């Protein structure tokens, strides 16, 4: 009986360990639009994961005059 409980506990632990290792990552860059038309990349592509990715995706576009800068992630 103890072996079965230990085996079940080990399976649960292994299952949790494998699922916690998966990260959600995306490649993001900051781009600029002038009058709503793509103009240029402000920052080159870079990979972001976890909380840093969530923070970037939550940022609102910034508009100054007719130029809008925003983050785009794939």
N, C-alpha and C. Protein backbone atom coordinates (compact mmCIF):
# COMPACT_ATOMS: atom_id res chain seq x y z
N UNK A 1 0.82 -1.19 0.00
CA UNK A 1 0.00 0.00 0.00
C UNK A 1 0.87 1.26 0.00
N UNK A 2 1.95 1.24 0.79
CA UNK A 2 2.83 2.40 0.85
C UNK A 2 3.50 2.64 -0.50
N UNK A 3 3.86 1.55 -1.19
CA UNK A 3 4.50 1.68 -2.50
C UNK A 3 3.55 2.33 -3.50
N UNK A 4 2.27 1.98 -3.45
CA UNK A 4 1.30 2.56 -4.37
C UNK A 4 1.12 4.05 -4.10
N UNK A 5 1.06 4.44 -2.83
CA UNK A 5 0.93 5.85 -2.50
C UNK A 5 2.18 6.63 -2.90
N UNK A 6 3.34 6.04 -2.65
CA UNK A 6 4.58 6.68 -3.02
C UNK A 6 4.68 6.83 -4.55
N UNK A 7 4.27 5.80 -5.26
CA UNK A 7 4.28 5.83 -6.72
C UNK A 7 3.33 6.91 -7.24
N UNK A 8 2.13 7.00 -6.68
CA UNK A 8 1.16 8.01 -7.09
C UNK A 8 1.68 9.42 -6.80
N UNK A 9 2.29 9.60 -5.65
CA UNK A 9 2.84 10.89 -5.29
C UNK A 9 3.98 11.27 -6.25
N UNK A 10 4.81 10.30 -6.60
CA UNK A 10 5.91 10.55 -7.53
C UNK A 10 5.38 10.94 -8.91
N UNK A 11 4.33 10.29 -9.38
CA UNK A 11 3.72 10.62 -10.67
C UNK A 11 3.17 12.05 -10.66
N UNK A 12 2.50 12.42 -9.60
CA UNK A 12 1.96 13.77 -9.50
C UNK A 12 3.10 14.79 -9.49
N UNK A 13 4.14 14.52 -8.75
CA UNK A 13 5.28 15.43 -8.69
C UNK A 13 5.93 15.59 -10.06
N UNK A 14 6.14 14.49 -10.77
CA UNK A 14 6.76 14.54 -12.09
C UNK A 14 5.87 15.30 -13.07
N UNK A 15 4.58 15.06 -13.02
CA UNK A 15 3.65 15.76 -13.92
C UNK A 15 3.68 17.27 -13.65
N UNK A 16 3.71 17.66 -12.41
CA UNK A 16 3.78 19.08 -12.07
C UNK A 16 5.11 19.69 -12.49
N UNK A 17 6.17 18.94 -12.34
CA UNK A 17 7.50 19.45 -12.69
C UNK A 17 7.61 19.70 -14.19
N UNK A 18 7.06 18.83 -15.00
CA UNK A 18 7.14 19.00 -16.45
C UNK A 18 6.27 20.16 -16.92
N UNK A 19 5.10 20.34 -16.37
CA UNK A 19 4.23 21.41 -16.83
C UNK A 19 4.71 22.78 -16.35
N UNK A 20 5.42 22.84 -15.24
CA UNK A 20 5.91 24.13 -14.76
C UNK A 20 7.11 24.62 -15.53
N UNK A 21 7.75 23.76 -16.32
CA UNK A 21 8.93 24.16 -17.08
C UNK A 21 8.59 24.81 -18.41
N UNK A 22 7.35 24.70 -18.85
CA UNK A 22 7.01 25.29 -20.13
C UNK A 22 6.85 26.79 -19.98
N UNK A 23 7.50 27.53 -20.86
CA UNK A 23 7.43 28.98 -20.83
C UNK A 23 6.72 29.45 -22.09
N UNK A 24 6.01 30.54 -21.95
CA UNK A 24 5.43 31.17 -23.12
C UNK A 24 6.37 32.29 -23.52
N UNK A 25 6.95 32.17 -24.68
CA UNK A 25 7.89 33.17 -25.17
C UNK A 25 7.44 33.65 -26.54
N UNK A 26 7.72 34.92 -26.82
CA UNK A 26 7.43 35.50 -28.13
C UNK A 26 8.57 36.43 -28.51
N UNK A 27 8.70 36.63 -29.80
CA UNK A 27 9.68 37.59 -30.31
C UNK A 27 8.97 38.92 -30.48
N UNK A 28 9.49 39.96 -29.85
CA UNK A 28 8.84 41.27 -29.87
C UNK A 28 9.80 42.33 -30.39
N UNK A 29 9.22 43.37 -30.97
CA UNK A 29 9.99 44.53 -31.39
C UNK A 29 9.12 45.77 -31.24
N UNK A 30 9.77 46.90 -31.10
CA UNK A 30 9.06 48.16 -30.99
C UNK A 30 9.09 48.81 -32.37
N UNK A 31 7.90 49.19 -32.86
CA UNK A 31 7.80 49.76 -34.19
C UNK A 31 7.12 51.12 -34.15
N UNK A 32 7.38 51.91 -35.20
CA UNK A 32 6.80 53.25 -35.29
C UNK A 32 5.90 53.33 -36.52
N UNK A 33 4.77 53.99 -36.35
CA UNK A 33 3.84 54.25 -37.44
C UNK A 33 3.66 55.76 -37.55
N UNK A 34 3.67 56.26 -38.77
CA UNK A 34 3.42 57.68 -39.02
C UNK A 34 2.12 57.77 -39.80
N UNK A 35 1.16 58.49 -39.23
CA UNK A 35 -0.19 58.60 -39.82
C UNK A 35 -0.80 57.23 -40.08
N UNK A 36 -0.55 56.27 -39.19
CA UNK A 36 -1.13 54.94 -39.30
C UNK A 36 -0.44 54.01 -40.28
N UNK A 37 0.65 54.45 -40.90
CA UNK A 37 1.38 53.64 -41.87
C UNK A 37 2.74 53.28 -41.28
N UNK A 38 3.12 51.99 -41.42
CA UNK A 38 4.41 51.52 -40.88
C UNK A 38 5.54 52.41 -41.38
N UNK A 39 6.42 52.81 -40.46
CA UNK A 39 7.54 53.66 -40.83
C UNK A 39 8.87 52.93 -40.64
N UNK A 40 9.17 52.45 -39.42
CA UNK A 40 10.43 51.76 -39.18
C UNK A 40 10.40 51.03 -37.83
N UNK A 41 11.38 50.13 -37.65
CA UNK A 41 11.56 49.45 -36.37
C UNK A 41 12.35 50.37 -35.45
N UNK A 42 11.84 50.56 -34.24
CA UNK A 42 12.56 51.35 -33.25
C UNK A 42 13.59 50.48 -32.55
N UNK A 43 13.22 49.22 -32.35
CA UNK A 43 14.10 48.27 -31.66
C UNK A 43 14.05 46.96 -32.43
N UNK A 44 15.16 46.24 -32.54
CA UNK A 44 15.21 44.98 -33.26
C UNK A 44 14.50 43.88 -32.48
N UNK A 45 14.24 42.77 -33.19
CA UNK A 45 13.55 41.63 -32.57
C UNK A 45 14.34 41.10 -31.39
N UNK A 46 13.59 40.76 -30.33
CA UNK A 46 14.20 40.17 -29.14
C UNK A 46 13.16 39.26 -28.50
N UNK A 47 13.60 38.15 -27.92
CA UNK A 47 12.69 37.20 -27.30
C UNK A 47 12.39 37.60 -25.85
N UNK A 48 11.11 37.60 -25.51
CA UNK A 48 10.67 37.90 -24.15
C UNK A 48 9.79 36.75 -23.67
N UNK A 49 9.90 36.44 -22.38
CA UNK A 49 9.15 35.33 -21.78
C UNK A 49 8.53 35.76 -20.46
N UNK A 50 7.52 35.00 -20.04
CA UNK A 50 6.94 35.15 -18.71
C UNK A 50 6.39 36.53 -18.41
N UNK A 51 6.72 37.03 -17.22
CA UNK A 51 6.18 38.30 -16.73
C UNK A 51 6.62 39.47 -17.60
N UNK A 52 7.83 39.39 -18.13
CA UNK A 52 8.33 40.46 -18.99
C UNK A 52 7.49 40.56 -20.27
N UNK A 53 7.11 39.42 -20.83
CA UNK A 53 6.27 39.39 -22.02
C UNK A 53 4.88 39.94 -21.71
N UNK A 54 4.32 39.54 -20.59
CA UNK A 54 2.99 40.03 -20.19
C UNK A 54 3.00 41.54 -20.04
N UNK A 55 4.07 42.07 -19.43
CA UNK A 55 4.18 43.52 -19.23
C UNK A 55 4.26 44.25 -20.58
N UNK A 56 5.02 43.72 -21.52
CA UNK A 56 5.14 44.36 -22.84
C UNK A 56 3.80 44.36 -23.58
N UNK A 57 3.11 43.23 -23.53
CA UNK A 57 1.83 43.13 -24.23
C UNK A 57 0.76 44.01 -23.61
N UNK A 58 0.93 44.39 -22.36
CA UNK A 58 -0.04 45.24 -21.68
C UNK A 58 0.18 46.73 -21.94
N UNK A 59 1.34 47.08 -22.51
CA UNK A 59 1.64 48.48 -22.76
C UNK A 59 0.75 49.05 -23.86
N UNK A 60 0.26 50.26 -23.66
CA UNK A 60 -0.53 50.95 -24.67
C UNK A 60 0.41 51.65 -25.65
N UNK A 61 -0.04 51.81 -26.90
CA UNK A 61 0.76 52.57 -27.86
C UNK A 61 0.94 54.02 -27.39
N UNK A 62 2.09 54.61 -27.73
CA UNK A 62 2.38 55.99 -27.37
C UNK A 62 2.35 56.83 -28.65
N UNK A 63 1.52 57.88 -28.65
CA UNK A 63 1.42 58.74 -29.82
C UNK A 63 1.92 60.14 -29.48
N UNK A 64 2.85 60.61 -30.30
CA UNK A 64 3.35 61.97 -30.17
C UNK A 64 3.23 62.59 -31.56
N UNK A 65 2.40 63.60 -31.66
CA UNK A 65 2.14 64.20 -32.96
C UNK A 65 1.45 63.20 -33.87
N UNK A 66 2.03 62.93 -35.02
CA UNK A 66 1.44 61.95 -35.94
C UNK A 66 2.19 60.62 -35.93
N UNK A 67 3.10 60.43 -34.96
CA UNK A 67 3.89 59.20 -34.86
C UNK A 67 3.44 58.37 -33.66
N UNK A 68 3.11 57.12 -33.93
CA UNK A 68 2.70 56.19 -32.88
C UNK A 68 3.75 55.09 -32.76
N UNK A 69 4.20 54.85 -31.54
CA UNK A 69 5.17 53.79 -31.26
C UNK A 69 4.48 52.74 -30.40
N UNK A 70 4.64 51.47 -30.80
CA UNK A 70 4.04 50.38 -30.03
C UNK A 70 4.86 49.11 -30.15
N UNK A 71 4.60 48.17 -29.23
CA UNK A 71 5.26 46.87 -29.23
C UNK A 71 4.41 45.89 -30.03
N UNK A 72 5.08 45.08 -30.88
CA UNK A 72 4.42 44.02 -31.62
C UNK A 72 5.14 42.72 -31.34
N UNK A 73 4.36 41.71 -30.95
CA UNK A 73 4.94 40.40 -30.60
C UNK A 73 4.35 39.31 -31.49
N UNK A 74 5.20 38.37 -31.88
CA UNK A 74 4.77 37.20 -32.69
C UNK A 74 5.08 35.95 -31.93
